[in-house]
């Protein structure tokens, strides 16, 4: 259950991280959002304020493939998909933004999946 105290702690971590991390045109930011059921990833250029690529576990492309997988395995596939889309747009290096979540479990698996497909961070 998300309480007011948990939400405040999450937001505090999130803003502390965002003060230090900034995506540029050469190295955009790979940000992760993790909900109870799904995981989302976006590649964002903060200078222009535009999303370069994105992937999530509820896309039609992934939905049928990941129906029987565990959430960590789904996160790895989402990381691989966002890396493929990013490489298709000639972006090879990114800055990883864990968005206030602990670098563990699904967040780490998403990062590993992106690295396996050739994204560097």
PDB file of N, CA and C in Angstrom:
ATOM      1  N   UNK A   1       0.833  -1.177   0.000  1.00  0.00           N
ATOM      2  CA  UNK A   1       0.000   0.000   0.000  1.00  0.00           C
ATOM      3  C   UNK A   1       0.879   1.242   0.000  1.00  0.00           C
ATOM      4  N   UNK A   2       0.565   2.179  -0.846  1.00  0.00           N
ATOM      5  CA  UNK A   2       1.341   3.413  -0.926  1.00  0.00           C
ATOM      6  C   UNK A   2       0.754   4.399   0.070  1.00  0.00           C
ATOM      7  N   UNK A   3       1.577   4.804   0.990  1.00  0.00           N
ATOM      8  CA  UNK A   3       1.141   5.787   1.959  1.00  0.00           C
ATOM      9  C   UNK A   3       1.700   7.145   1.578  1.00  0.00           C
ATOM     10  N   UNK A   4       1.243   8.155   2.255  1.00  0.00           N
ATOM     11  CA  UNK A   4       1.714   9.508   1.976  1.00  0.00           C
ATOM     12  C   UNK A   4       3.209   9.612   2.255  1.00  0.00           C
ATOM     13  N   UNK A   5       3.674   8.944   3.286  1.00  0.00           N
ATOM     14  CA  UNK A   5       5.090   8.988   3.645  1.00  0.00           C
ATOM     15  C   UNK A   5       5.947   8.296   2.580  1.00  0.00           C
ATOM     16  N   UNK A   6       5.477   7.139   2.076  1.00  0.00           N
ATOM     17  CA  UNK A   6       6.212   6.439   1.022  1.00  0.00           C
ATOM     18  C   UNK A   6       6.288   7.279  -0.242  1.00  0.00           C
ATOM     19  N   UNK A   7       5.187   7.902  -0.605  1.00  0.00           N
ATOM     20  CA  UNK A   7       5.143   8.738  -1.813  1.00  0.00           C
ATOM     21  C   UNK A   7       6.091   9.917  -1.677  1.00  0.00           C
ATOM     22  N   UNK A   8       6.130  10.536  -0.516  1.00  0.00           N
ATOM     23  CA  UNK A   8       7.029  11.665  -0.299  1.00  0.00           C
ATOM     24  C   UNK A   8       8.484  11.230  -0.373  1.00  0.00           C
ATOM     25  N   UNK A   9       8.808  10.076   0.164  1.00  0.00           N
ATOM     26  CA  UNK A   9      10.172   9.565   0.107  1.00  0.00           C
ATOM     27  C   UNK A   9      10.568   9.261  -1.332  1.00  0.00           C
ATOM     28  N   UNK A  10       9.646   8.679  -2.106  1.00  0.00           N
ATOM     29  CA  UNK A  10       9.900   8.390  -3.511  1.00  0.00           C
ATOM     30  C   UNK A  10      10.163   9.685  -4.282  1.00  0.00           C
ATOM     31  N   UNK A  11       9.328  10.690  -4.084  1.00  0.00           N
ATOM     32  CA  UNK A  11       9.500  11.952  -4.795  1.00  0.00           C
ATOM     33  C   UNK A  11      10.797  12.648  -4.400  1.00  0.00           C
ATOM     34  N   UNK A  12      11.173  12.541  -3.141  1.00  0.00           N
ATOM     35  CA  UNK A  12      12.426  13.127  -2.674  1.00  0.00           C
ATOM     36  C   UNK A  12      13.619  12.474  -3.376  1.00  0.00           C
ATOM     37  N   UNK A  13      13.608  11.152  -3.468  1.00  0.00           N
ATOM     38  CA  UNK A  13      14.676  10.439  -4.179  1.00  0.00           C
ATOM     39  C   UNK A  13      14.686  10.809  -5.658  1.00  0.00           C
ATOM     40  N   UNK A  14      13.501  10.880  -6.247  1.00  0.00           N
ATOM     41  CA  UNK A  14      13.383  11.180  -7.664  1.00  0.00           C
ATOM     42  C   UNK A  14      13.972  12.550  -7.992  1.00  0.00           C
ATOM     43  N   UNK A  15      13.624  13.552  -7.238  1.00  0.00           N
ATOM     44  CA  UNK A  15      14.120  14.900  -7.517  1.00  0.00           C
ATOM     45  C   UNK A  15      15.603  15.039  -7.190  1.00  0.00           C
ATOM     46  N   UNK A  16      16.081  14.295  -6.220  1.00  0.00           N
ATOM     47  CA  UNK A  16      17.516  14.324  -5.906  1.00  0.00           C
ATOM     48  C   UNK A  16      18.320  13.757  -7.079  1.00  0.00           C
ATOM     49  N   UNK A  17      17.814  12.705  -7.684  1.00  0.00           N
ATOM     50  CA  UNK A  17      18.483  12.110  -8.835  1.00  0.00           C
ATOM     51  C   UNK A  17      18.410  13.047 -10.044  1.00  0.00           C
ATOM     52  N   UNK A  18      17.251  13.647 -10.270  1.00  0.00           N
ATOM     53  CA  UNK A  18      17.063  14.509 -11.440  1.00  0.00           C
ATOM     54  C   UNK A  18      17.896  15.775 -11.382  1.00  0.00           C
ATOM     55  N   UNK A  19      18.292  16.200 -10.183  1.00  0.00           N
ATOM     56  CA  UNK A  19      19.176  17.362 -10.079  1.00  0.00           C
ATOM     57  C   UNK A  19      20.536  17.063 -10.695  1.00  0.00           C
ATOM     58  N   UNK A  20      20.951  15.805 -10.623  1.00  0.00           N
ATOM     59  CA  UNK A  20      22.290  15.419 -11.067  1.00  0.00           C
ATOM     60  C   UNK A  20      22.324  14.916 -12.510  1.00  0.00           C
ATOM     61  N   UNK A  21      21.225  14.371 -12.987  1.00  0.00           N
ATOM     62  CA  UNK A  21      21.193  13.737 -14.306  1.00  0.00           C
ATOM     63  C   UNK A  21      20.456  14.623 -15.289  1.00  0.00           C
ATOM     64  N   UNK A  22      21.080  14.816 -16.452  1.00  0.00           N
ATOM     65  CA  UNK A  22      20.452  15.606 -17.501  1.00  0.00           C
ATOM     66  C   UNK A  22      20.787  14.976 -18.842  1.00  0.00           C
ATOM     67  N   UNK A  23      19.783  14.774 -19.664  1.00  0.00           N
ATOM     68  CA  UNK A  23      19.988  14.188 -20.980  1.00  0.00           C
ATOM     69  C   UNK A  23      20.318  15.258 -21.995  1.00  0.00           C
ATOM     70  N   UNK A  24      21.305  14.999 -22.828  1.00  0.00           N
ATOM     71  CA  UNK A  24      21.689  15.924 -23.889  1.00  0.00           C
ATOM     72  C   UNK A  24      21.366  15.292 -25.233  1.00  0.00           C
ATOM     73  N   UNK A  25      21.651  16.023 -26.295  1.00  0.00           N
ATOM     74  CA  UNK A  25      21.405  15.482 -27.629  1.00  0.00           C
ATOM     75  C   UNK A  25      22.341  14.313 -27.910  1.00  0.00           C
ATOM     76  N   UNK A  26      23.591  14.397 -27.443  1.00  0.00           N
ATOM     77  CA  UNK A  26      24.552  13.319 -27.659  1.00  0.00           C
ATOM     78  C   UNK A  26      24.265  12.121 -26.749  1.00  0.00           C
ATOM     79  N   UNK A  27      23.886  12.401 -25.506  1.00  0.00           N
ATOM     80  CA  UNK A  27      23.575  11.340 -24.536  1.00  0.00           C
ATOM     81  C   UNK A  27      22.221  11.615 -23.894  1.00  0.00           C
ATOM     82  N   UNK A  28      21.145  11.174 -24.518  1.00  0.00           N
ATOM     83  CA  UNK A  28      19.824  11.389 -23.918  1.00  0.00           C
ATOM     84  C   UNK A  28      19.642  10.533 -22.668  1.00  0.00           C
ATOM     85  N   UNK A  29      18.573  10.799 -21.957  1.00  0.00           N
ATOM     86  CA  UNK A  29      18.301  10.146 -20.683  1.00  0.00           C
ATOM     87  C   UNK A  29      17.347   8.975 -20.885  1.00  0.00           C
ATOM     88  N   UNK A  30      17.742   7.814 -20.361  1.00  0.00           N
ATOM     89  CA  UNK A  30      16.873   6.633 -20.348  1.00  0.00           C
ATOM     90  C   UNK A  30      16.207   6.593 -18.986  1.00  0.00           C
ATOM     91  N   UNK A  31      14.926   6.900 -18.948  1.00  0.00           N
ATOM     92  CA  UNK A  31      14.204   6.936 -17.681  1.00  0.00           C
ATOM     93  C   UNK A  31      13.260   5.748 -17.580  1.00  0.00           C
ATOM     94  N   UNK A  32      13.084   5.275 -16.364  1.00  0.00           N
ATOM     95  CA  UNK A  32      12.301   4.069 -16.094  1.00  0.00           C
ATOM     96  C   UNK A  32      11.170   4.408 -15.131  1.00  0.00           C
ATOM     97  N   UNK A  33       9.988   3.900 -15.419  1.00  0.00           N
ATOM     98  CA  UNK A  33       8.891   3.971 -14.456  1.00  0.00           C
ATOM     99  C   UNK A  33       8.380   2.560 -14.245  1.00  0.00           C
ATOM    100  N   UNK A  34       8.208   2.220 -12.993  1.00  0.00           N
ATOM    101  CA  UNK A  34       7.804   0.867 -12.623  1.00  0.00           C
ATOM    102  C   UNK A  34       6.520   0.962 -11.811  1.00  0.00           C
ATOM    103  N   UNK A  35       5.469   0.323 -12.313  1.00  0.00           N
ATOM    104  CA  UNK A  35       4.232   0.237 -11.535  1.00  0.00           C
ATOM    105  C   UNK A  35       4.133  -1.170 -10.968  1.00  0.00           C
ATOM    106  N   UNK A  36       3.043  -1.480 -10.331  1.00  0.00           N
ATOM    107  CA  UNK A  36       2.897  -2.800  -9.721  1.00  0.00           C
ATOM    108  C   UNK A  36       2.867  -3.908 -10.776  1.00  0.00           C
ATOM    109  N   UNK A  37       2.258  -3.643 -11.936  1.00  0.00           N
ATOM    110  CA  UNK A  37       2.139  -4.670 -12.959  1.00  0.00           C
ATOM    111  C   UNK A  37       3.036  -4.452 -14.169  1.00  0.00           C
ATOM    112  N   UNK A  38       3.312  -3.213 -14.523  1.00  0.00           N
ATOM    113  CA  UNK A  38       3.966  -2.911 -15.785  1.00  0.00           C
ATOM    114  C   UNK A  38       5.243  -2.111 -15.572  1.00  0.00           C
ATOM    115  N   UNK A  39       6.038  -1.998 -16.644  1.00  0.00           N
ATOM    116  CA  UNK A  39       7.260  -1.207 -16.609  1.00  0.00           C
ATOM    117  C   UNK A  39       7.344  -0.414 -17.909  1.00  0.00           C
ATOM    118  N   UNK A  40       7.806   0.812 -17.803  1.00  0.00           N
ATOM    119  CA  UNK A  40       7.868   1.736 -18.922  1.00  0.00           C
ATOM    120  C   UNK A  40       9.284   2.299 -19.019  1.00  0.00           C
ATOM    121  N   UNK A  41       9.751   2.546 -20.246  1.00  0.00           N
ATOM    122  CA  UNK A  41      11.066   3.137 -20.459  1.00  0.00           C
ATOM    123  C   UNK A  41      10.951   4.182 -21.563  1.00  0.00           C
ATOM    124  N   UNK A  42      11.639   5.307 -21.370  1.00  0.00           N
ATOM    125  CA  UNK A  42      11.650   6.368 -22.369  1.00  0.00           C
ATOM    126  C   UNK A  42      13.065   6.875 -22.544  1.00  0.00           C
ATOM    127  N   UNK A  43      13.410   7.246 -23.769  1.00  0.00           N
ATOM    128  CA  UNK A  43      14.660   7.921 -24.070  1.00  0.00           C
ATOM    129  C   UNK A  43      14.282   9.374 -24.333  1.00  0.00           C
ATOM    130  N   UNK A  44      14.801  10.292 -23.494  1.00  0.00           N
ATOM    131  CA  UNK A  44      14.383  11.688 -23.544  1.00  0.00           C
ATOM    132  C   UNK A  44      15.585  12.594 -23.770  1.00  0.00           C
ATOM    133  N   UNK A  45      15.440  13.524 -24.710  1.00  0.00           N
ATOM    134  CA  UNK A  45      16.425  14.583 -24.919  1.00  0.00           C
ATOM    135  C   UNK A  45      15.932  15.795 -24.142  1.00  0.00           C
ATOM    136  N   UNK A  46      16.596  16.111 -23.031  1.00  0.00           N
ATOM    137  CA  UNK A  46      16.137  17.200 -22.169  1.00  0.00           C
ATOM    138  C   UNK A  46      16.394  18.580 -22.771  1.00  0.00           C
ATOM    139  N   UNK A  47      17.351  18.705 -23.676  1.00  0.00           N
ATOM    140  CA  UNK A  47      17.625  20.005 -24.286  1.00  0.00           C
ATOM    141  C   UNK A  47      16.465  20.450 -25.174  1.00  0.00           C
ATOM    142  N   UNK A  48      15.915  19.515 -25.958  1.00  0.00           N
ATOM    143  CA  UNK A  48      14.789  19.862 -26.818  1.00  0.00           C
ATOM    144  C   UNK A  48      13.451  19.508 -26.178  1.00  0.00           C
ATOM    145  N   UNK A  49      13.486  18.719 -25.096  1.00  0.00           N
ATOM    146  CA  UNK A  49      12.259  18.342 -24.411  1.00  0.00           C
ATOM    147  C   UNK A  49      11.433  17.324 -25.178  1.00  0.00           C
ATOM    148  N   UNK A  50      12.092  16.476 -25.954  1.00  0.00           N
ATOM    149  CA  UNK A  50      11.364  15.515 -26.781  1.00  0.00           C
ATOM    150  C   UNK A  50      11.740  14.086 -26.420  1.00  0.00           C
ATOM    151  N   UNK A  51      10.765  13.207 -26.562  1.00  0.00           N
ATOM    152  CA  UNK A  51      10.995  11.780 -26.366  1.00  0.00           C
ATOM    153  C   UNK A  51      11.460  11.189 -27.685  1.00  0.00           C
ATOM    154  N   UNK A  52      12.627  10.537 -27.643  1.00  0.00           N
ATOM    155  CA  UNK A  52      13.202   9.947 -28.846  1.00  0.00           C
ATOM    156  C   UNK A  52      12.613   8.562 -29.101  1.00  0.00           C
ATOM    157  N   UNK A  53      12.529   7.755 -28.066  1.00  0.00           N
ATOM    158  CA  UNK A  53      11.990   6.402 -28.198  1.00  0.00           C
ATOM    159  C   UNK A  53      11.360   5.996 -26.875  1.00  0.00           C
ATOM    160  N   UNK A  54      10.456   5.052 -26.945  1.00  0.00           N
ATOM    161  CA  UNK A  54       9.833   4.551 -25.716  1.00  0.00           C
ATOM    162  C   UNK A  54       9.393   3.112 -25.926  1.00  0.00           C
ATOM    163  N   UNK A  55       9.210   2.420 -24.807  1.00  0.00           N
ATOM    164  CA  UNK A  55       8.708   1.047 -24.836  1.00  0.00           C
ATOM    165  C   UNK A  55       8.063   0.770 -23.487  1.00  0.00           C
ATOM    166  N   UNK A  56       7.065  -0.105 -23.501  1.00  0.00           N
ATOM    167  CA  UNK A  56       6.421  -0.481 -22.248  1.00  0.00           C
ATOM    168  C   UNK A  56       5.877  -1.900 -22.365  1.00  0.00           C
ATOM    169  N   UNK A  57       5.538  -2.445 -21.238  1.00  0.00           N
ATOM    170  CA  UNK A  57       5.107  -3.841 -21.199  1.00  0.00           C
ATOM    171  C   UNK A  57       3.667  -4.039 -21.657  1.00  0.00           C
ATOM    172  N   UNK A  58       2.944  -2.978 -21.933  1.00  0.00           N
ATOM    173  CA  UNK A  58       1.553  -3.123 -22.366  1.00  0.00           C
ATOM    174  C   UNK A  58       1.374  -2.888 -23.866  1.00  0.00           C
ATOM    175  N   UNK A  59       2.474  -2.757 -24.596  1.00  0.00           N
ATOM    176  CA  UNK A  59       2.382  -2.581 -26.041  1.00  0.00           C
ATOM    177  C   UNK A  59       1.887  -3.858 -26.702  1.00  0.00           C
ATOM    178  N   UNK A  60       1.211  -3.711 -27.808  1.00  0.00           N
ATOM    179  CA  UNK A  60       0.680  -4.867 -28.522  1.00  0.00           C
ATOM    180  C   UNK A  60       1.800  -5.781 -28.997  1.00  0.00           C
ATOM    181  N   UNK A  61       2.942  -5.189 -29.343  1.00  0.00           N
ATOM    182  CA  UNK A  61       4.075  -5.977 -29.835  1.00  0.00           C
ATOM    183  C   UNK A  61       4.595  -6.940 -28.768  1.00  0.00           C
ATOM    184  N   UNK A  62       4.572  -6.508 -27.511  1.00  0.00           N
ATOM    185  CA  UNK A  62       5.098  -7.321 -26.422  1.00  0.00           C
ATOM    186  C   UNK A  62       4.037  -8.117 -25.674  1.00  0.00           C
ATOM    187  N   UNK A  63       2.824  -7.659 -25.693  1.00  0.00           N
ATOM    188  CA  UNK A  63       1.779  -8.221 -24.843  1.00  0.00           C
ATOM    189  C   UNK A  63       1.629  -9.734 -24.996  1.00  0.00           C
ATOM    190  N   UNK A  64       1.612 -10.213 -26.220  1.00  0.00           N
ATOM    191  CA  UNK A  64       1.430 -11.648 -26.439  1.00  0.00           C
ATOM    192  C   UNK A  64       2.691 -12.441 -26.102  1.00  0.00           C
ATOM    193  N   UNK A  65       3.853 -11.843 -26.331  1.00  0.00           N
ATOM    194  CA  UNK A  65       5.119 -12.539 -26.073  1.00  0.00           C
ATOM    195  C   UNK A  65       5.403 -12.714 -24.590  1.00  0.00           C
ATOM    196  N   UNK A  66       4.927 -11.790 -23.773  1.00  0.00           N
ATOM    197  CA  UNK A  66       5.303 -11.788 -22.355  1.00  0.00           C
ATOM    198  C   UNK A  66       4.178 -12.242 -21.433  1.00  0.00           C
ATOM    199  N   UNK A  67       3.164 -12.836 -22.003  1.00  0.00           N
ATOM    200  CA  UNK A  67       1.991 -13.211 -21.215  1.00  0.00           C
ATOM    201  C   UNK A  67       2.333 -14.161 -20.068  1.00  0.00           C
ATOM    202  N   UNK A  68       3.217 -15.121 -20.307  1.00  0.00           N
ATOM    203  CA  UNK A  68       3.512 -16.139 -19.301  1.00  0.00           C
ATOM    204  C   UNK A  68       4.851 -15.928 -18.604  1.00  0.00           C
ATOM    205  N   UNK A  69       5.491 -14.783 -18.815  1.00  0.00           N
ATOM    206  CA  UNK A  69       6.802 -14.522 -18.208  1.00  0.00           C
ATOM    207  C   UNK A  69       6.676 -13.822 -16.864  1.00  0.00           C
ATOM    208  N   UNK A  70       7.733 -13.895 -16.087  1.00  0.00           N
ATOM    209  CA  UNK A  70       7.780 -13.154 -14.830  1.00  0.00           C
ATOM    210  C   UNK A  70       8.047 -11.683 -15.122  1.00  0.00           C
ATOM    211  N   UNK A  71       7.743 -10.837 -14.135  1.00  0.00           N
ATOM    212  CA  UNK A  71       7.872  -9.399 -14.346  1.00  0.00           C
ATOM    213  C   UNK A  71       9.308  -8.977 -14.633  1.00  0.00           C
ATOM    214  N   UNK A  72      10.287  -9.631 -14.030  1.00  0.00           N
ATOM    215  CA  UNK A  72      11.682  -9.297 -14.280  1.00  0.00           C
ATOM    216  C   UNK A  72      12.081  -9.642 -15.712  1.00  0.00           C
ATOM    217  N   UNK A  73      11.578 -10.745 -16.226  1.00  0.00           N
ATOM    218  CA  UNK A  73      11.859 -11.129 -17.603  1.00  0.00           C
ATOM    219  C   UNK A  73      11.187 -10.177 -18.589  1.00  0.00           C
ATOM    220  N   UNK A  74      10.001  -9.713 -18.245  1.00  0.00           N
ATOM    221  CA  UNK A  74       9.303  -8.735 -19.068  1.00  0.00           C
ATOM    222  C   UNK A  74      10.109  -7.438 -19.115  1.00  0.00           C
ATOM    223  N   UNK A  75      10.654  -7.039 -17.974  1.00  0.00           N
ATOM    224  CA  UNK A  75      11.449  -5.811 -17.917  1.00  0.00           C
ATOM    225  C   UNK A  75      12.669  -5.915 -18.819  1.00  0.00           C
ATOM    226  N   UNK A  76      13.280  -7.085 -18.861  1.00  0.00           N
ATOM    227  CA  UNK A  76      14.446  -7.278 -19.723  1.00  0.00           C
ATOM    228  C   UNK A  76      14.061  -7.139 -21.199  1.00  0.00           C
ATOM    229  N   UNK A  77      12.903  -7.653 -21.567  1.00  0.00           N
ATOM    230  CA  UNK A  77      12.436  -7.529 -22.946  1.00  0.00           C
ATOM    231  C   UNK A  77      12.103  -6.082 -23.297  1.00  0.00           C
ATOM    232  N   UNK A  78      11.548  -5.340 -22.347  1.00  0.00           N
ATOM    233  CA  UNK A  78      11.260  -3.925 -22.577  1.00  0.00           C
ATOM    234  C   UNK A  78      12.559  -3.155 -22.772  1.00  0.00           C
ATOM    235  N   UNK A  79      13.584  -3.468 -21.977  1.00  0.00           N
ATOM    236  CA  UNK A  79      14.886  -2.828 -22.147  1.00  0.00           C
ATOM    237  C   UNK A  79      15.486  -3.118 -23.507  1.00  0.00           C
ATOM    238  N   UNK A  80      15.359  -4.349 -23.967  1.00  0.00           N
ATOM    239  CA  UNK A  80      15.869  -4.716 -25.290  1.00  0.00           C
ATOM    240  C   UNK A  80      15.115  -3.980 -26.393  1.00  0.00           C
ATOM    241  N   UNK A  81      13.808  -3.851 -26.237  1.00  0.00           N
ATOM    242  CA  UNK A  81      12.994  -3.177 -27.250  1.00  0.00           C
ATOM    243  C   UNK A  81      13.318  -1.690 -27.324  1.00  0.00           C
ATOM    244  N   UNK A  82      13.467  -1.043 -26.179  1.00  0.00           N
ATOM    245  CA  UNK A  82      13.792   0.384 -26.200  1.00  0.00           C
ATOM    246  C   UNK A  82      15.194   0.599 -26.767  1.00  0.00           C
ATOM    247  N   UNK A  83      16.106  -0.330 -26.521  1.00  0.00           N
ATOM    248  CA  UNK A  83      17.452  -0.224 -27.081  1.00  0.00           C
ATOM    249  C   UNK A  83      17.418  -0.365 -28.603  1.00  0.00           C
ATOM    250  N   UNK A  84      16.634  -1.302 -29.117  1.00  0.00           N
ATOM    251  CA  UNK A  84      16.504  -1.462 -30.562  1.00  0.00           C
ATOM    252  C   UNK A  84      15.971  -0.195 -31.214  1.00  0.00           C
ATOM    253  N   UNK A  85      14.947   0.380 -30.614  1.00  0.00           N
ATOM    254  CA  UNK A  85      14.349   1.600 -31.167  1.00  0.00           C
ATOM    255  C   UNK A  85      15.316   2.772 -31.092  1.00  0.00           C
ATOM    256  N   UNK A  86      16.099   2.801 -30.040  1.00  0.00           N
ATOM    257  CA  UNK A  86      17.073   3.871 -29.863  1.00  0.00           C
ATOM    258  C   UNK A  86      18.204   3.742 -30.880  1.00  0.00           C
ATOM    259  N   UNK A  87      18.696   2.534 -31.080  1.00  0.00           N
ATOM    260  CA  UNK A  87      19.764   2.306 -32.043  1.00  0.00           C
ATOM    261  C   UNK A  87      19.299   2.567 -33.470  1.00  0.00           C
ATOM    262  N   UNK A  88      18.013   2.343 -33.737  1.00  0.00           N
ATOM    263  CA  UNK A  88      17.463   2.638 -35.052  1.00  0.00           C
ATOM    264  C   UNK A  88      17.478   4.136 -35.349  1.00  0.00           C
ATOM    265  N   UNK A  89      17.492   4.941 -34.309  1.00  0.00           N
ATOM    266  CA  UNK A  89      17.540   6.401 -34.471  1.00  0.00           C
ATOM    267  C   UNK A  89      18.948   6.943 -34.235  1.00  0.00           C
ATOM    268  N   UNK A  90      19.955   6.067 -34.331  1.00  0.00           N
ATOM    269  CA  UNK A  90      21.376   6.428 -34.232  1.00  0.00           C
ATOM    270  C   UNK A  90      21.765   7.025 -32.893  1.00  0.00           C
ATOM    271  N   UNK A  91      21.183   6.529 -31.830  1.00  0.00           N
ATOM    272  CA  UNK A  91      21.563   6.923 -30.473  1.00  0.00           C
ATOM    273  C   UNK A  91      22.149   5.684 -29.807  1.00  0.00           C
ATOM    274  N   UNK A  92      23.446   5.749 -29.462  1.00  0.00           N
ATOM    275  CA  UNK A  92      24.112   4.593 -28.873  1.00  0.00           C
ATOM    276  C   UNK A  92      24.432   4.781 -27.399  1.00  0.00           C
ATOM    277  N   UNK A  93      24.632   6.024 -26.962  1.00  0.00           N
ATOM    278  CA  UNK A  93      24.994   6.291 -25.574  1.00  0.00           C
ATOM    279  C   UNK A  93      23.869   7.043 -24.893  1.00  0.00           C
ATOM    280  N   UNK A  94      23.532   6.608 -23.679  1.00  0.00           N
ATOM    281  CA  UNK A  94      22.486   7.253 -22.899  1.00  0.00           C
ATOM    282  C   UNK A  94      22.948   7.423 -21.452  1.00  0.00           C
ATOM    283  N   UNK A  95      22.200   8.213 -20.714  1.00  0.00           N
ATOM    284  CA  UNK A  95      22.384   8.366 -19.275  1.00  0.00           C
ATOM    285  C   UNK A  95      21.212   7.663 -18.612  1.00  0.00           C
ATOM    286  N   UNK A  96      21.475   6.791 -17.652  1.00  0.00           N
ATOM    287  CA  UNK A  96      20.401   6.013 -17.031  1.00  0.00           C
ATOM    288  C   UNK A  96      19.813   6.773 -15.846  1.00  0.00           C
ATOM    289  N   UNK A  97      18.505   6.935 -15.861  1.00  0.00           N
ATOM    290  CA  UNK A  97      17.769   7.603 -14.794  1.00  0.00           C
ATOM    291  C   UNK A  97      16.830   6.565 -14.176  1.00  0.00           C
ATOM    292  N   UNK A  98      17.145   6.138 -12.961  1.00  0.00           N
ATOM    293  CA  UNK A  98      16.321   5.115 -12.310  1.00  0.00           C
ATOM    294  C   UNK A  98      15.060   5.702 -11.703  1.00  0.00           C
ATOM    295  N   UNK A  99      14.932   7.028 -11.734  1.00  0.00           N
ATOM    296  CA  UNK A  99      13.675   7.711 -11.419  1.00  0.00           C
ATOM    297  C   UNK A  99      13.207   7.499  -9.974  1.00  0.00           C
ATOM    298  N   UNK A 100      14.146   7.356  -9.051  1.00  0.00           N
ATOM    299  CA  UNK A 100      13.783   7.204  -7.652  1.00  0.00           C
ATOM    300  C   UNK A 100      13.608   5.770  -7.211  1.00  0.00           C
ATOM    301  N   UNK A 101      13.646   4.829  -8.141  1.00  0.00           N
ATOM    302  CA  UNK A 101      13.514   3.420  -7.797  1.00  0.00           C
ATOM    303  C   UNK A 101      14.886   2.848  -7.491  1.00  0.00           C
ATOM    304  N   UNK A 102      14.925   1.852  -6.629  1.00  0.00           N
ATOM    305  CA  UNK A 102      16.176   1.196  -6.275  1.00  0.00           C
ATOM    306  C   UNK A 102      16.678   0.418  -7.495  1.00  0.00           C
ATOM    307  N   UNK A 103      17.986   0.493  -7.759  1.00  0.00           N
ATOM    308  CA  UNK A 103      18.573  -0.230  -8.885  1.00  0.00           C
ATOM    309  C   UNK A 103      18.681  -1.698  -8.489  1.00  0.00           C
ATOM    310  N   UNK A 104      17.565  -2.386  -8.633  1.00  0.00           N
ATOM    311  CA  UNK A 104      17.460  -3.763  -8.178  1.00  0.00           C
ATOM    312  C   UNK A 104      16.252  -4.362  -8.867  1.00  0.00           C
ATOM    313  N   UNK A 105      16.246  -5.645  -9.084  1.00  0.00           N
ATOM    314  CA  UNK A 105      15.067  -6.305  -9.632  1.00  0.00           C
ATOM    315  C   UNK A 105      14.741  -5.887 -11.046  1.00  0.00           C
ATOM    316  N   UNK A 106      13.522  -5.403 -11.251  1.00  0.00           N
ATOM    317  CA  UNK A 106      13.049  -5.076 -12.593  1.00  0.00           C
ATOM    318  C   UNK A 106      13.796  -3.912 -13.212  1.00  0.00           C
ATOM    319  N   UNK A 107      14.184  -2.931 -12.407  1.00  0.00           N
ATOM    320  CA  UNK A 107      14.918  -1.778 -12.934  1.00  0.00           C
ATOM    321  C   UNK A 107      16.283  -2.230 -13.443  1.00  0.00           C
ATOM    322  N   UNK A 108      16.962  -3.059 -12.690  1.00  0.00           N
ATOM    323  CA  UNK A 108      18.267  -3.572 -13.105  1.00  0.00           C
ATOM    324  C   UNK A 108      18.138  -4.478 -14.321  1.00  0.00           C
ATOM    325  N   UNK A 109      17.090  -5.283 -14.384  1.00  0.00           N
ATOM    326  CA  UNK A 109      16.880  -6.171 -15.524  1.00  0.00           C
ATOM    327  C   UNK A 109      16.618  -5.369 -16.800  1.00  0.00           C
ATOM    328  N   UNK A 110      15.867  -4.271 -16.685  1.00  0.00           N
ATOM    329  CA  UNK A 110      15.625  -3.425 -17.842  1.00  0.00           C
ATOM    330  C   UNK A 110      16.950  -2.854 -18.351  1.00  0.00           C
ATOM    331  N   UNK A 111      17.791  -2.405 -17.444  1.00  0.00           N
ATOM    332  CA  UNK A 111      19.096  -1.876 -17.827  1.00  0.00           C
ATOM    333  C   UNK A 111      19.958  -2.952 -18.476  1.00  0.00           C
ATOM    334  N   UNK A 112      19.934  -4.161 -17.937  1.00  0.00           N
ATOM    335  CA  UNK A 112      20.702  -5.260 -18.509  1.00  0.00           C
ATOM    336  C   UNK A 112      20.218  -5.608 -19.921  1.00  0.00           C
ATOM    337  N   UNK A 113      18.924  -5.611 -20.105  1.00  0.00           N
ATOM    338  CA  UNK A 113      18.365  -5.895 -21.428  1.00  0.00           C
ATOM    339  C   UNK A 113      18.776  -4.862 -22.457  1.00  0.00           C
ATOM    340  N   UNK A 114      18.816  -3.593 -22.044  1.00  0.00           N
ATOM    341  CA  UNK A 114      19.238  -2.525 -22.953  1.00  0.00           C
ATOM    342  C   UNK A 114      20.728  -2.649 -23.272  1.00  0.00           C
ATOM    343  N   UNK A 115      21.527  -3.005 -22.277  1.00  0.00           N
ATOM    344  CA  UNK A 115      22.966  -3.172 -22.508  1.00  0.00           C
ATOM    345  C   UNK A 115      23.259  -4.341 -23.442  1.00  0.00           C
ATOM    346  N   UNK A 116      22.511  -5.428 -23.292  1.00  0.00           N
ATOM    347  CA  UNK A 116      22.725  -6.602 -24.140  1.00  0.00           C
ATOM    348  C   UNK A 116      22.461  -6.298 -25.612  1.00  0.00           C
ATOM    349  N   UNK A 117      21.535  -5.388 -25.887  1.00  0.00           N
ATOM    350  CA  UNK A 117      21.219  -5.021 -27.264  1.00  0.00           C
ATOM    351  C   UNK A 117      22.170  -3.971 -27.824  1.00  0.00           C
ATOM    352  N   UNK A 118      23.102  -3.446 -27.018  1.00  0.00           N
ATOM    353  CA  UNK A 118      24.117  -2.548 -27.549  1.00  0.00           C
ATOM    354  C   UNK A 118      24.057  -1.120 -27.073  1.00  0.00           C
ATOM    355  N   UNK A 119      23.147  -0.797 -26.180  1.00  0.00           N
ATOM    356  CA  UNK A 119      23.071   0.560 -25.648  1.00  0.00           C
ATOM    357  C   UNK A 119      24.162   0.740 -24.602  1.00  0.00           C
ATOM    358  N   UNK A 120      24.853   1.871 -24.623  1.00  0.00           N
ATOM    359  CA  UNK A 120      25.961   2.090 -23.697  1.00  0.00           C
ATOM    360  C   UNK A 120      25.576   3.150 -22.677  1.00  0.00           C
ATOM    361  N   UNK A 121      25.753   2.798 -21.392  1.00  0.00           N
ATOM    362  CA  UNK A 121      25.576   3.746 -20.285  1.00  0.00           C
ATOM    363  C   UNK A 121      26.283   3.262 -19.070  1.00  0.00           C
TER     364      UNK A 121
END
